[in-house]
C-alpha cells in the first residue's frame, strides 16, 4: 500500500512541476531570455524524473506480485534520482547566475534584456 501511495504522490508532484515548466517555457518563447529557458529545462527534467521514478516504483510493485517479471531495484532508482537531481540543480544554478550582455569594462552587466518592447 505504501508503494502505491508513493506512486500517486510522485505523479501529483510531476503534475505540479509541469505548471512552472509551462509558465517558464511560455515566458521564454515570448522574451527569449536564456535564464527562463534554463529554468524551464530544470522543471521539465523534474517532471520527467518524477514520472520515471513512479514508473520504476510501479515495476517494483509488479515484481512483488509476480516474481518472474523484470523490474528495477531500489538502488537503481536512488542512483537515477541522484543523477537527475544533480542535473536539475545545475540548470537552476545556471539560470540564477546567467548574465547575458555583461560588460567587459568591469561595470555591472545588464543581464538578459529584450532589445525592444
Protein backbone atom coordinates (compact mmCIF):
# COMPACT_ATOMS: atom_id res chain seq x y z
CA UNK A 1 0.00 0.00 0.00
CA UNK A 2 2.85 2.41 0.77
CA UNK A 3 4.41 1.90 -2.66
CA UNK A 4 1.09 2.58 -4.38
CA UNK A 5 0.69 5.80 -2.38
CA UNK A 6 4.25 6.83 -3.25
CA UNK A 7 3.48 6.32 -6.96
CA UNK A 8 0.40 8.53 -6.72
CA UNK A 9 2.32 11.22 -4.82
CA UNK A 10 5.13 11.19 -7.42
CA UNK A 11 2.59 11.64 -10.21
CA UNK A 12 0.95 14.54 -8.34
CA UNK A 13 4.38 16.14 -7.86
CA UNK A 14 5.04 15.71 -11.60
CA UNK A 15 1.75 17.42 -12.42
CA UNK A 16 2.56 20.28 -10.05
CA UNK A 17 6.05 20.69 -11.55
CA UNK A 18 4.54 20.79 -15.03
CA UNK A 19 2.85 24.11 -14.19
CA UNK A 20 6.05 26.17 -13.70
CA UNK A 21 7.60 24.29 -16.65
CA UNK A 22 4.84 25.56 -18.94
CA UNK A 23 4.94 29.07 -17.43
CA UNK A 24 8.72 29.39 -17.84
CA UNK A 25 8.62 27.92 -21.34
CA UNK A 26 5.91 30.33 -22.48
CA UNK A 27 7.81 33.20 -20.88
CA UNK A 28 10.97 32.14 -22.71
CA UNK A 29 9.13 31.93 -26.03
CA UNK A 30 7.84 35.46 -25.51
CA UNK A 31 11.07 37.09 -24.26
CA UNK A 32 13.88 34.78 -25.48
CA UNK A 33 15.66 35.21 -22.12
CA UNK A 34 18.14 32.37 -21.71
CA UNK A 35 17.68 32.16 -17.97
CA UNK A 36 13.98 31.43 -18.44
CA UNK A 37 14.85 28.59 -20.81
CA UNK A 38 17.28 27.13 -18.26
CA UNK A 39 14.63 27.31 -15.52
CA UNK A 40 12.07 25.71 -17.85
CA UNK A 41 14.50 22.89 -18.63
CA UNK A 42 15.10 22.36 -14.90
CA UNK A 43 11.38 21.99 -14.23
CA UNK A 44 10.94 19.85 -17.36
CA UNK A 45 13.62 17.44 -16.20
CA UNK A 46 11.98 17.41 -12.77
CA UNK A 47 8.69 16.32 -14.37
CA UNK A 48 10.44 13.57 -16.32
CA UNK A 49 12.28 12.41 -13.20
CA UNK A 50 9.09 12.04 -11.19
CA UNK A 51 7.40 10.10 -13.99
CA UNK A 52 10.42 7.80 -14.36
CA UNK A 53 10.57 7.17 -10.62
CA UNK A 54 6.83 6.48 -10.46
CA UNK A 55 7.22 4.01 -13.33
CA UNK A 56 10.20 2.39 -11.61
CA UNK A 57 8.26 2.03 -8.36
CA UNK A 58 5.38 0.56 -10.34
CA UNK A 59 7.68 -2.15 -11.70
CA UNK A 60 8.80 -2.91 -8.15
CA UNK A 61 5.16 -3.34 -7.09
CA UNK A 62 4.53 -5.61 -10.09
CA UNK A 63 7.67 -7.61 -9.21
CA UNK A 64 6.35 -8.23 -5.70
CA UNK A 65 3.14 -9.69 -7.17
CA UNK A 66 4.89 -11.60 -9.97
CA UNK A 67 8.50 -12.61 -9.15
CA UNK A 68 9.25 -13.54 -12.77
CA UNK A 69 8.61 -10.07 -14.21
CA UNK A 70 11.59 -7.75 -14.85
CA UNK A 71 11.94 -4.78 -12.52
CA UNK A 72 14.39 -2.16 -11.39
CA UNK A 73 15.75 -2.17 -7.85
CA UNK A 74 15.51 0.49 -5.17
CA UNK A 75 19.23 1.19 -5.55
CA UNK A 76 18.76 1.74 -9.30
CA UNK A 77 16.02 4.25 -8.57
CA UNK A 78 18.16 6.00 -5.96
CA UNK A 79 21.04 6.33 -8.43
CA UNK A 80 18.72 7.63 -11.15
CA UNK A 81 17.19 10.13 -8.75
CA UNK A 82 20.60 11.41 -7.63
CA UNK A 83 21.93 11.91 -11.15
CA UNK A 84 18.79 13.69 -12.33
CA UNK A 85 18.68 15.87 -9.18
CA UNK A 86 22.24 16.96 -9.93
CA UNK A 87 21.25 17.96 -13.46
CA UNK A 88 18.24 19.89 -12.14
CA UNK A 89 20.31 21.78 -9.58
CA UNK A 90 22.96 22.66 -12.17
CA UNK A 91 20.28 24.04 -14.51
CA UNK A 92 18.75 26.14 -11.73
CA UNK A 93 22.17 27.47 -10.69
CA UNK A 94 22.94 28.33 -14.31
CA UNK A 95 19.57 30.11 -14.60
CA UNK A 96 20.27 32.18 -11.48
CA UNK A 97 23.86 33.03 -12.39
CA UNK A 98 23.31 33.60 -16.14
CA UNK A 99 24.42 37.06 -17.22
CA UNK A 100 23.99 37.77 -20.87
CA UNK A 101 25.40 41.03 -22.12
CA UNK A 102 27.69 41.51 -19.13
CA UNK A 103 30.09 44.39 -19.53
CA UNK A 104 33.76 43.70 -20.22
CA UNK A 105 34.93 47.00 -18.74
CA UNK A 106 34.21 45.98 -15.15
CA UNK A 107 30.78 47.57 -14.81
CA UNK A 108 27.80 45.56 -13.72
CA UNK A 109 26.17 43.65 -16.55
CA UNK A 110 22.65 44.31 -17.65
CA UNK A 111 21.68 40.65 -17.65
CA UNK A 112 19.08 39.40 -20.07
CA UNK A 113 17.07 42.22 -21.63
CA UNK A 114 14.76 42.42 -24.56
CA UNK A 115 16.02 44.63 -27.35
CA UNK A 116 12.63 46.14 -27.98
CA UNK A 117 9.30 46.33 -26.27
